Amino acid sequence: MTARARDPYNPNVNGERAILTYRDYEALPADGRRYELHDGELSVTPAPGSRHQRVLGNLNGLIRAHVNAHRFGEVFFAPIDVILDETTIVQPDLVYLDPTRARLVRDRGIEGPPTLVVEIVSPSTTLIDRHAKSDLYRRYGVPCYWIVDPEARTVEAYGLAEAEYRLLTRISGNAAASLSPFPNLAFAAASLWP
């Protein structure tokens, strides 16, 4: 009898939930959708829209220029795999690693918790980004988490303290502020919106 390959789209085997791993994740098609594994469970969201990508481009340009000018580490933007463990692989919209975490950058992606992850929420990802992924980032010890909300025109910066995320700063409009982990980078949320 030959062993059947695990179907990542139907991970239930004999009525029990199968835990997917990085190996299963690698076998998924490159079809424009965003695939992630959350504690071994497949999460699929549509490809981001143009507004999302414009906001990401603006934010990436802002942070990348600051990080490169001061040699503060490295910035990556989606799609890049952040492998928190063999059953938890996510693709944040933007990822920053300070120099102490440079060793996490590998051929497969980023293997371990980066310094900062940024998620740009959309109607189809709000619950995932604000709850499921926030919980994953917290459990795996990502120190800083930003949620960018183009609808509300806000940026929320959370910091990890006593194993919980706490809202540190919320910016909106034209008032410039610095967000953790960048104390010397002040920007206005309005600069991000297309």
N, C-alpha and C. Protein backbone atom coordinates (compact mmCIF):
# COMPACT_ATOMS: atom_id res chain seq x y z
N MET A 1 0.85 -1.17 0.00
CA MET A 1 0.00 0.00 0.00
C MET A 1 0.90 1.23 0.00
N THR A 2 0.58 2.18 -0.85
CA THR A 2 1.38 3.41 -0.90
C THR A 2 0.75 4.46 0.02
N ALA A 3 1.62 5.26 0.60
CA ALA A 3 1.14 6.32 1.49
C ALA A 3 0.57 7.44 0.64
N ARG A 4 -0.57 7.99 1.07
CA ARG A 4 -1.17 9.12 0.36
C ARG A 4 -0.51 10.40 0.81
N ALA A 5 -0.27 11.29 -0.14
CA ALA A 5 0.26 12.61 0.21
C ALA A 5 -0.82 13.39 0.94
N ARG A 6 -0.41 14.17 1.88
CA ARG A 6 -1.34 14.99 2.64
C ARG A 6 -1.86 16.11 1.76
N ASP A 7 -3.15 16.35 1.76
CA ASP A 7 -3.77 17.42 0.99
C ASP A 7 -3.89 18.65 1.88
N PRO A 8 -3.09 19.70 1.63
CA PRO A 8 -3.14 20.87 2.51
C PRO A 8 -4.47 21.61 2.46
N TYR A 9 -5.28 21.39 1.40
CA TYR A 9 -6.58 22.04 1.33
C TYR A 9 -7.63 21.30 2.14
N ASN A 10 -7.37 20.04 2.45
CA ASN A 10 -8.29 19.24 3.25
C ASN A 10 -7.46 18.47 4.26
N PRO A 11 -7.00 19.17 5.32
CA PRO A 11 -6.05 18.54 6.23
C PRO A 11 -6.66 17.57 7.24
N ASN A 12 -7.94 17.28 7.15
CA ASN A 12 -8.54 16.32 8.07
C ASN A 12 -8.27 14.91 7.59
N VAL A 13 -7.75 14.10 8.47
CA VAL A 13 -7.46 12.71 8.16
C VAL A 13 -8.25 11.85 9.12
N ASN A 14 -9.11 11.00 8.60
CA ASN A 14 -9.95 10.14 9.44
C ASN A 14 -10.70 10.93 10.50
N GLY A 15 -11.19 12.11 10.13
CA GLY A 15 -11.96 12.93 11.06
C GLY A 15 -11.13 13.70 12.06
N GLU A 16 -9.81 13.55 12.01
CA GLU A 16 -8.93 14.27 12.94
C GLU A 16 -8.19 15.36 12.17
N ARG A 17 -7.93 16.43 12.86
CA ARG A 17 -7.21 17.54 12.24
C ARG A 17 -5.73 17.17 12.08
N ALA A 18 -5.25 17.26 10.85
CA ALA A 18 -3.83 17.03 10.58
C ALA A 18 -3.08 18.33 10.79
N ILE A 19 -1.91 18.25 11.34
CA ILE A 19 -1.06 19.41 11.54
C ILE A 19 -0.15 19.55 10.33
N LEU A 20 -0.27 20.67 9.62
CA LEU A 20 0.58 20.91 8.47
C LEU A 20 1.92 21.48 8.92
N THR A 21 2.95 21.21 8.14
CA THR A 21 4.30 21.67 8.47
C THR A 21 4.87 22.48 7.32
N TYR A 22 6.07 22.98 7.51
CA TYR A 22 6.74 23.75 6.46
C TYR A 22 6.82 22.95 5.17
N ARG A 23 7.03 21.67 5.28
CA ARG A 23 7.12 20.82 4.07
C ARG A 23 5.81 20.87 3.28
N ASP A 24 4.67 20.80 3.96
CA ASP A 24 3.37 20.92 3.29
C ASP A 24 3.22 22.32 2.69
N TYR A 25 3.65 23.31 3.43
CA TYR A 25 3.55 24.71 3.01
C TYR A 25 4.33 24.93 1.71
N GLU A 26 5.52 24.36 1.62
CA GLU A 26 6.34 24.49 0.42
C GLU A 26 5.65 23.96 -0.83
N ALA A 27 4.77 22.98 -0.65
CA ALA A 27 4.10 22.34 -1.78
C ALA A 27 2.89 23.13 -2.30
N LEU A 28 2.51 24.19 -1.61
CA LEU A 28 1.35 24.97 -2.04
C LEU A 28 1.66 25.71 -3.34
N PRO A 29 0.64 25.94 -4.18
CA PRO A 29 0.87 26.58 -5.48
C PRO A 29 1.17 28.08 -5.35
N ALA A 30 1.90 28.59 -6.31
CA ALA A 30 2.14 30.04 -6.40
C ALA A 30 1.03 30.61 -7.29
N ASP A 31 -0.13 30.86 -6.69
CA ASP A 31 -1.30 31.26 -7.47
C ASP A 31 -1.83 32.65 -7.14
N GLY A 32 -1.01 33.46 -6.44
CA GLY A 32 -1.41 34.83 -6.14
C GLY A 32 -2.11 34.99 -4.80
N ARG A 33 -2.54 33.89 -4.21
CA ARG A 33 -3.15 33.99 -2.88
C ARG A 33 -2.04 33.98 -1.83
N ARG A 34 -2.38 34.46 -0.65
CA ARG A 34 -1.40 34.49 0.45
C ARG A 34 -1.69 33.31 1.37
N TYR A 35 -0.76 32.37 1.40
CA TYR A 35 -0.88 31.19 2.24
C TYR A 35 -0.03 31.37 3.49
N GLU A 36 -0.57 30.94 4.62
CA GLU A 36 0.17 30.94 5.87
C GLU A 36 -0.23 29.69 6.65
N LEU A 37 0.62 29.30 7.59
CA LEU A 37 0.26 28.24 8.53
C LEU A 37 0.21 28.87 9.91
N HIS A 38 -0.92 28.70 10.58
CA HIS A 38 -1.11 29.19 11.94
C HIS A 38 -1.27 27.98 12.84
N ASP A 39 -0.23 27.63 13.58
CA ASP A 39 -0.24 26.44 14.43
C ASP A 39 -0.66 25.20 13.64
N GLY A 40 -0.11 25.05 12.44
CA GLY A 40 -0.37 23.87 11.63
C GLY A 40 -1.64 23.91 10.82
N GLU A 41 -2.40 24.99 10.90
CA GLU A 41 -3.65 25.11 10.16
C GLU A 41 -3.47 26.11 9.01
N LEU A 42 -3.96 25.73 7.84
CA LEU A 42 -3.81 26.56 6.65
C LEU A 42 -4.71 27.79 6.72
N SER A 43 -4.14 28.95 6.45
CA SER A 43 -4.89 30.21 6.34
C SER A 43 -4.64 30.74 4.93
N VAL A 44 -5.71 31.07 4.23
CA VAL A 44 -5.61 31.56 2.86
C VAL A 44 -6.36 32.88 2.76
N THR A 45 -5.69 33.90 2.25
CA THR A 45 -6.34 35.19 2.02
C THR A 45 -6.05 35.62 0.58
N PRO A 46 -6.91 36.47 0.03
CA PRO A 46 -6.66 36.92 -1.34
C PRO A 46 -5.42 37.80 -1.42
N ALA A 47 -4.90 37.93 -2.62
CA ALA A 47 -3.78 38.84 -2.83
C ALA A 47 -4.21 40.25 -2.47
N PRO A 48 -3.29 41.07 -1.94
CA PRO A 48 -3.65 42.43 -1.57
C PRO A 48 -4.07 43.27 -2.78
N GLY A 49 -4.92 44.25 -2.53
CA GLY A 49 -5.37 45.16 -3.58
C GLY A 49 -4.39 46.31 -3.78
N SER A 50 -4.70 47.16 -4.75
CA SER A 50 -3.79 48.26 -5.11
C SER A 50 -3.64 49.28 -3.97
N ARG A 51 -4.72 49.60 -3.27
CA ARG A 51 -4.62 50.56 -2.16
C ARG A 51 -3.66 50.05 -1.09
N HIS A 52 -3.82 48.78 -0.73
CA HIS A 52 -2.95 48.13 0.24
C HIS A 52 -1.49 48.25 -0.20
N GLN A 53 -1.23 47.95 -1.46
CA GLN A 53 0.13 47.96 -1.97
C GLN A 53 0.72 49.37 -1.99
N ARG A 54 -0.11 50.37 -2.26
CA ARG A 54 0.38 51.75 -2.22
C ARG A 54 0.77 52.14 -0.80
N VAL A 55 -0.06 51.80 0.17
CA VAL A 55 0.26 52.09 1.56
C VAL A 55 1.53 51.36 1.97
N LEU A 56 1.65 50.10 1.59
CA LEU A 56 2.85 49.33 1.90
C LEU A 56 4.09 49.96 1.26
N GLY A 57 3.98 50.39 0.01
CA GLY A 57 5.10 51.04 -0.66
C GLY A 57 5.54 52.30 0.06
N ASN A 58 4.57 53.11 0.49
CA ASN A 58 4.89 54.35 1.21
C ASN A 58 5.57 54.05 2.54
N LEU A 59 5.03 53.09 3.28
CA LEU A 59 5.60 52.74 4.58
C LEU A 59 6.99 52.11 4.42
N ASN A 60 7.13 51.23 3.45
CA ASN A 60 8.42 50.60 3.19
C ASN A 60 9.47 51.65 2.84
N GLY A 61 9.12 52.59 1.99
CA GLY A 61 10.07 53.64 1.61
C GLY A 61 10.53 54.46 2.81
N LEU A 62 9.59 54.81 3.65
CA LEU A 62 9.87 55.61 4.84
C LEU A 62 10.81 54.88 5.81
N ILE A 63 10.44 53.65 6.15
CA ILE A 63 11.24 52.88 7.11
C ILE A 63 12.58 52.47 6.52
N ARG A 64 12.56 52.02 5.27
CA ARG A 64 13.81 51.57 4.64
C ARG A 64 14.84 52.70 4.56
N ALA A 65 14.40 53.90 4.20
CA ALA A 65 15.33 55.04 4.12
C ALA A 65 15.95 55.32 5.48
N HIS A 66 15.13 55.28 6.53
CA HIS A 66 15.62 55.53 7.89
C HIS A 66 16.61 54.44 8.33
N VAL A 67 16.23 53.19 8.13
CA VAL A 67 17.07 52.07 8.55
C VAL A 67 18.39 52.07 7.78
N ASN A 68 18.33 52.29 6.48
CA ASN A 68 19.55 52.29 5.67
C ASN A 68 20.46 53.47 6.02
N ALA A 69 19.87 54.64 6.24
CA ALA A 69 20.67 55.83 6.56
C ALA A 69 21.45 55.66 7.87
N HIS A 70 20.87 54.95 8.81
CA HIS A 70 21.50 54.78 10.12
C HIS A 70 22.09 53.39 10.35
N ARG A 71 22.00 52.54 9.33
CA ARG A 71 22.51 51.16 9.43
C ARG A 71 21.95 50.45 10.66
N PHE A 72 20.62 50.54 10.77
CA PHE A 72 19.91 49.98 11.92
C PHE A 72 19.47 48.54 11.74
N GLY A 73 19.81 47.91 10.63
CA GLY A 73 19.35 46.54 10.41
C GLY A 73 18.84 46.36 9.01
N GLU A 74 17.74 45.62 8.88
CA GLU A 74 17.23 45.27 7.55
C GLU A 74 15.71 45.26 7.54
N VAL A 75 15.13 45.69 6.39
CA VAL A 75 13.69 45.75 6.20
C VAL A 75 13.31 44.85 5.04
N PHE A 76 12.23 44.07 5.21
CA PHE A 76 11.69 43.22 4.15
C PHE A 76 10.20 43.50 4.01
N PHE A 77 9.68 43.32 2.81
CA PHE A 77 8.23 43.46 2.63
C PHE A 77 7.70 42.23 1.92
N ALA A 78 6.40 42.01 2.06
CA ALA A 78 5.74 40.81 1.54
C ALA A 78 5.90 40.73 0.02
N PRO A 79 5.98 39.50 -0.46
CA PRO A 79 5.93 38.27 0.32
C PRO A 79 7.31 37.81 0.78
N ILE A 80 7.42 37.55 2.06
CA ILE A 80 8.59 36.88 2.64
C ILE A 80 8.09 36.01 3.78
N ASP A 81 8.58 34.81 3.85
CA ASP A 81 8.15 33.90 4.91
C ASP A 81 8.86 34.23 6.22
N VAL A 82 8.08 34.35 7.27
CA VAL A 82 8.60 34.44 8.62
C VAL A 82 8.24 33.10 9.27
N ILE A 83 9.26 32.29 9.50
CA ILE A 83 9.08 30.93 10.00
C ILE A 83 9.27 30.98 11.51
N LEU A 84 8.16 31.00 12.22
CA LEU A 84 8.23 31.07 13.68
C LEU A 84 8.49 29.70 14.28
N ASP A 85 8.01 28.66 13.63
CA ASP A 85 8.40 27.27 13.87
C ASP A 85 7.91 26.46 12.67
N GLU A 86 8.10 25.17 12.69
CA GLU A 86 7.78 24.35 11.51
C GLU A 86 6.28 24.28 11.21
N THR A 87 5.43 24.70 12.13
CA THR A 87 3.99 24.69 11.88
C THR A 87 3.38 26.08 11.88
N THR A 88 4.21 27.11 12.00
CA THR A 88 3.71 28.48 12.01
C THR A 88 4.58 29.34 11.10
N ILE A 89 4.04 29.59 9.90
CA ILE A 89 4.73 30.39 8.89
C ILE A 89 3.77 31.49 8.47
N VAL A 90 4.22 32.73 8.60
CA VAL A 90 3.38 33.89 8.26
C VAL A 90 4.09 34.76 7.24
N GLN A 91 3.32 35.63 6.59
CA GLN A 91 3.86 36.59 5.64
C GLN A 91 3.37 37.99 6.00
N PRO A 92 4.00 38.61 6.99
CA PRO A 92 3.60 39.97 7.34
C PRO A 92 3.81 40.91 6.15
N ASP A 93 3.13 42.04 6.17
CA ASP A 93 3.30 43.00 5.09
C ASP A 93 4.68 43.61 5.10
N LEU A 94 5.21 43.88 6.29
CA LEU A 94 6.54 44.47 6.41
C LEU A 94 7.20 43.88 7.65
N VAL A 95 8.51 43.65 7.56
CA VAL A 95 9.28 43.05 8.65
C VAL A 95 10.56 43.84 8.82
N TYR A 96 10.91 44.12 10.07
CA TYR A 96 12.16 44.79 10.37
C TYR A 96 12.94 43.93 11.36
N LEU A 97 14.25 43.80 11.10
CA LEU A 97 15.15 43.11 12.00
C LEU A 97 16.26 44.06 12.40
N ASP A 98 16.43 44.28 13.70
CA ASP A 98 17.55 45.09 14.16
C ASP A 98 18.83 44.26 14.00
N PRO A 99 20.00 44.87 14.10
CA PRO A 99 21.26 44.13 13.85
C PRO A 99 21.44 42.89 14.72
N THR A 100 20.87 42.86 15.92
CA THR A 100 21.05 41.68 16.78
C THR A 100 20.27 40.47 16.26
N ARG A 101 19.35 40.69 15.34
CA ARG A 101 18.54 39.59 14.78
C ARG A 101 18.92 39.26 13.34
N ALA A 102 19.98 39.83 12.83
CA ALA A 102 20.41 39.61 11.44
C ALA A 102 20.61 38.12 11.14
N ARG A 103 21.02 37.37 12.14
CA ARG A 103 21.27 35.93 11.95
C ARG A 103 20.01 35.15 11.59
N LEU A 104 18.85 35.74 11.79
CA LEU A 104 17.57 35.07 11.49
C LEU A 104 17.27 35.01 9.99
N VAL A 105 17.97 35.82 9.20
CA VAL A 105 17.73 35.85 7.75
C VAL A 105 18.44 34.66 7.12
N ARG A 106 17.64 33.80 6.50
CA ARG A 106 18.17 32.58 5.87
C ARG A 106 17.59 32.47 4.47
N ASP A 107 18.01 31.44 3.75
CA ASP A 107 17.51 31.24 2.39
C ASP A 107 15.99 31.03 2.35
N ARG A 108 15.43 30.32 3.33
CA ARG A 108 13.99 30.06 3.34
C ARG A 108 13.18 31.30 3.67
N GLY A 109 13.77 32.24 4.35
CA GLY A 109 13.07 33.43 4.82
C GLY A 109 13.68 33.88 6.12
N ILE A 110 12.83 34.37 7.00
CA ILE A 110 13.27 34.80 8.33
C ILE A 110 12.88 33.70 9.30
N GLU A 111 13.86 33.11 9.95
CA GLU A 111 13.61 31.97 10.83
C GLU A 111 13.71 32.40 12.28
N GLY A 112 12.58 32.86 12.81
CA GLY A 112 12.51 33.31 14.19
C GLY A 112 11.78 34.64 14.25
N PRO A 113 11.59 35.16 15.45
CA PRO A 113 10.83 36.39 15.60
C PRO A 113 11.63 37.64 15.22
N PRO A 114 11.13 38.41 14.25
CA PRO A 114 11.78 39.67 13.92
C PRO A 114 11.53 40.72 15.00
N THR A 115 12.17 41.86 14.89
CA THR A 115 12.00 42.95 15.84
C THR A 115 10.61 43.58 15.71
N LEU A 116 10.15 43.75 14.47
CA LEU A 116 8.88 44.40 14.18
C LEU A 116 8.19 43.68 13.04
N VAL A 117 6.89 43.45 13.20
CA VAL A 117 6.05 43.04 12.08
C VAL A 117 4.95 44.07 11.92
N VAL A 118 4.60 44.32 10.66
CA VAL A 118 3.55 45.28 10.33
C VAL A 118 2.52 44.57 9.47
N GLU A 119 1.26 44.73 9.86
CA GLU A 119 0.15 44.22 9.06
C GLU A 119 -0.72 45.41 8.64
N ILE A 120 -1.03 45.46 7.36
CA ILE A 120 -1.95 46.46 6.82
C ILE A 120 -3.29 45.76 6.68
N VAL A 121 -4.26 46.18 7.49
CA VAL A 121 -5.54 45.48 7.51
C VAL A 121 -6.41 45.87 6.33
N SER A 122 -7.23 44.92 5.93
CA SER A 122 -8.24 45.14 4.90
C SER A 122 -9.51 44.46 5.41
N PRO A 123 -10.65 44.71 4.78
CA PRO A 123 -11.87 44.06 5.27
C PRO A 123 -11.76 42.54 5.37
N SER A 124 -10.99 41.90 4.48
CA SER A 124 -10.89 40.44 4.51
C SER A 124 -9.87 39.92 5.52
N THR A 125 -9.02 40.80 6.07
CA THR A 125 -7.97 40.32 6.99
C THR A 125 -8.04 40.93 8.38
N THR A 126 -8.99 41.81 8.65
CA THR A 126 -9.02 42.51 9.93
C THR A 126 -9.02 41.55 11.12
N LEU A 127 -9.91 40.56 11.12
CA LEU A 127 -9.97 39.63 12.25
C LEU A 127 -8.69 38.81 12.38
N ILE A 128 -8.15 38.38 11.27
CA ILE A 128 -6.92 37.59 11.29
C ILE A 128 -5.77 38.44 11.86
N ASP A 129 -5.62 39.67 11.34
CA ASP A 129 -4.50 40.52 11.76
C ASP A 129 -4.63 40.99 13.20
N ARG A 130 -5.85 41.34 13.60
CA ARG A 130 -6.04 41.90 14.95
C ARG A 130 -6.13 40.83 16.04
N HIS A 131 -6.42 39.59 15.66
CA HIS A 131 -6.59 38.56 16.69
C HIS A 131 -5.64 37.37 16.47
N ALA A 132 -5.86 36.60 15.42
CA ALA A 132 -5.07 35.37 15.23
C ALA A 132 -3.58 35.67 15.09
N LYS A 133 -3.22 36.60 14.21
CA LYS A 133 -1.80 36.87 14.00
C LYS A 133 -1.20 37.64 15.17
N SER A 134 -1.96 38.52 15.76
CA SER A 134 -1.48 39.22 16.96
C SER A 134 -1.12 38.21 18.04
N ASP A 135 -1.97 37.20 18.22
CA ASP A 135 -1.71 36.16 19.21
C ASP A 135 -0.45 35.36 18.86
N LEU A 136 -0.29 35.02 17.59
CA LEU A 136 0.91 34.29 17.17
C LEU A 136 2.18 35.12 17.42
N TYR A 137 2.16 36.37 17.01
CA TYR A 137 3.34 37.23 17.20
C TYR A 137 3.67 37.37 18.68
N ARG A 138 2.64 37.51 19.50
CA ARG A 138 2.84 37.63 20.94
C ARG A 138 3.47 36.36 21.50
N ARG A 139 2.90 35.21 21.16
CA ARG A 139 3.40 33.94 21.70
C ARG A 139 4.83 33.64 21.28
N TYR A 140 5.21 34.06 20.07
CA TYR A 140 6.56 33.79 19.60
C TYR A 140 7.54 34.91 19.94
N GLY A 141 7.09 35.92 20.68
CA GLY A 141 8.00 36.93 21.22
C GLY A 141 8.45 38.02 20.26
N VAL A 142 7.58 38.41 19.31
CA VAL A 142 7.90 39.54 18.43
C VAL A 142 7.72 40.81 19.27
N PRO A 143 8.79 41.59 19.51
CA PRO A 143 8.71 42.72 20.44
C PRO A 143 7.77 43.85 20.01
N CYS A 144 7.70 44.13 18.71
CA CYS A 144 6.90 45.26 18.23
C CYS A 144 5.96 44.82 17.11
N TYR A 145 4.73 45.30 17.18
CA TYR A 145 3.70 44.95 16.19
C TYR A 145 2.91 46.20 15.85
N TRP A 146 2.87 46.53 14.56
CA TRP A 146 2.08 47.67 14.11
C TRP A 146 0.89 47.17 13.30
N ILE A 147 -0.24 47.81 13.50
CA ILE A 147 -1.41 47.57 12.67
C ILE A 147 -1.72 48.88 11.95
N VAL A 148 -1.66 48.82 10.64
CA VAL A 148 -1.95 49.98 9.79
C VAL A 148 -3.35 49.77 9.22
N ASP A 149 -4.22 50.74 9.46
CA ASP A 149 -5.62 50.64 9.02
C ASP A 149 -5.94 51.76 8.04
N PRO A 150 -5.90 51.48 6.73
CA PRO A 150 -6.18 52.52 5.74
C PRO A 150 -7.61 53.07 5.81
N GLU A 151 -8.58 52.24 6.23
CA GLU A 151 -9.96 52.73 6.35
C GLU A 151 -10.07 53.76 7.47
N ALA A 152 -9.54 53.44 8.64
CA ALA A 152 -9.58 54.36 9.79
C ALA A 152 -8.50 55.43 9.70
N ARG A 153 -7.53 55.20 8.80
CA ARG A 153 -6.38 56.10 8.63
C ARG A 153 -5.59 56.25 9.93
N THR A 154 -5.30 55.09 10.53
CA THR A 154 -4.54 55.06 11.77
C THR A 154 -3.39 54.06 11.67
N VAL A 155 -2.39 54.31 12.51
CA VAL A 155 -1.32 53.34 12.72
C VAL A 155 -1.24 53.13 14.22
N GLU A 156 -1.35 51.86 14.63
CA GLU A 156 -1.27 51.50 16.04
C GLU A 156 0.03 50.75 16.27
N ALA A 157 0.81 51.19 17.25
CA ALA A 157 2.07 50.52 17.60
C ALA A 157 1.89 49.82 18.94
N TYR A 158 2.12 48.50 18.94
CA TYR A 158 2.02 47.70 20.15
C TYR A 158 3.40 47.23 20.56
N GLY A 159 3.63 47.13 21.85
CA GLY A 159 4.88 46.61 22.38
C GLY A 159 4.61 45.44 23.29
N LEU A 160 5.50 44.47 23.28
CA LEU A 160 5.37 43.28 24.10
C LEU A 160 5.87 43.58 25.51
N ALA A 161 5.00 43.42 26.51
CA ALA A 161 5.35 43.64 27.91
C ALA A 161 4.65 42.60 28.76
N GLU A 162 5.42 41.86 29.54
CA GLU A 162 4.86 40.81 30.40
C GLU A 162 4.00 39.84 29.60
N ALA A 163 4.52 39.42 28.44
CA ALA A 163 3.91 38.42 27.56
C ALA A 163 2.57 38.87 26.97
N GLU A 164 2.30 40.17 26.95
CA GLU A 164 1.08 40.71 26.35
C GLU A 164 1.45 41.91 25.50
N TYR A 165 0.65 42.15 24.44
CA TYR A 165 0.83 43.38 23.66
C TYR A 165 0.06 44.50 24.33
N ARG A 166 0.73 45.63 24.44
CA ARG A 166 0.11 46.84 24.98
C ARG A 166 0.19 47.93 23.91
N LEU A 167 -0.90 48.65 23.72
CA LEU A 167 -0.91 49.76 22.77
C LEU A 167 0.01 50.85 23.31
N LEU A 168 1.05 51.18 22.56
CA LEU A 168 1.99 52.22 22.96
C LEU A 168 1.62 53.57 22.37
N THR A 169 1.26 53.56 21.09
CA THR A 169 0.96 54.80 20.38
C THR A 169 -0.04 54.52 19.27
N ARG A 170 -0.96 55.45 19.08
CA ARG A 170 -1.87 55.42 17.92
C ARG A 170 -1.74 56.78 17.26
N ILE A 171 -1.41 56.77 15.96
CA ILE A 171 -1.29 58.03 15.25
C ILE A 171 -2.33 58.11 14.14
N SER A 172 -2.74 59.34 13.86
CA SER A 172 -3.64 59.61 12.75
C SER A 172 -3.43 61.05 12.31
N GLY A 173 -3.93 61.39 11.16
CA GLY A 173 -3.83 62.77 10.67
C GLY A 173 -2.42 63.21 10.36
N ASN A 174 -2.18 64.51 10.54
CA ASN A 174 -0.90 65.12 10.15
C ASN A 174 0.08 65.31 11.30
N ALA A 175 -0.30 64.91 12.51
CA ALA A 175 0.61 65.05 13.65
C ALA A 175 1.69 63.97 13.57
N ALA A 176 2.95 64.38 13.55
CA ALA A 176 4.06 63.44 13.46
C ALA A 176 4.38 62.85 14.83
N ALA A 177 4.70 61.58 14.84
CA ALA A 177 5.09 60.90 16.08
C ALA A 177 6.07 59.79 15.73
N SER A 178 6.84 59.38 16.73
CA SER A 178 7.76 58.25 16.58
C SER A 178 7.12 57.01 17.18
N LEU A 179 7.31 55.89 16.52
CA LEU A 179 6.75 54.63 16.98
C LEU A 179 7.89 53.65 17.27
N SER A 180 7.70 52.85 18.30
CA SER A 180 8.68 51.83 18.65
C SER A 180 8.76 50.80 17.53
N PRO A 181 9.93 50.42 17.10
CA PRO A 181 11.26 50.54 17.70
C PRO A 181 12.12 51.66 17.10
N PHE A 182 11.51 52.70 16.55
CA PHE A 182 12.25 53.77 15.88
C PHE A 182 12.04 55.10 16.60
N PRO A 183 12.74 55.36 17.70
CA PRO A 183 12.52 56.59 18.46
C PRO A 183 12.88 57.87 17.70
N ASN A 184 13.73 57.76 16.69
CA ASN A 184 14.17 58.95 15.96
C ASN A 184 13.56 59.06 14.57
N LEU A 185 12.47 58.36 14.33
CA LEU A 185 11.77 58.44 13.05
C LEU A 185 10.35 58.93 13.31
N ALA A 186 10.15 60.22 13.17
CA ALA A 186 8.81 60.79 13.36
C ALA A 186 8.15 60.92 11.99
N PHE A 187 6.91 60.46 11.89
CA PHE A 187 6.16 60.60 10.65
C PHE A 187 4.68 60.73 10.98
N ALA A 188 3.95 61.27 10.04
CA ALA A 188 2.50 61.44 10.18
C ALA A 188 1.80 60.30 9.47
N ALA A 189 0.76 59.79 10.06
CA ALA A 189 -0.02 58.71 9.42
C ALA A 189 -0.52 59.16 8.06
N ALA A 190 -0.86 60.43 7.90
CA ALA A 190 -1.38 60.94 6.63
C ALA A 190 -0.39 60.75 5.48
N SER A 191 0.90 60.64 5.79
CA SER A 191 1.90 60.45 4.73
C SER A 191 1.82 59.07 4.08
N LEU A 192 1.08 58.15 4.68
CA LEU A 192 0.99 56.79 4.15
C LEU A 192 -0.13 56.60 3.15
N TRP A 193 -1.17 57.41 3.23
CA TRP A 193 -2.37 57.16 2.43
C TRP A 193 -2.20 57.68 1.02
N PRO A 194 -2.58 56.87 0.03
CA PRO A 194 -2.44 57.30 -1.37
C PRO A 194 -3.42 58.42 -1.71
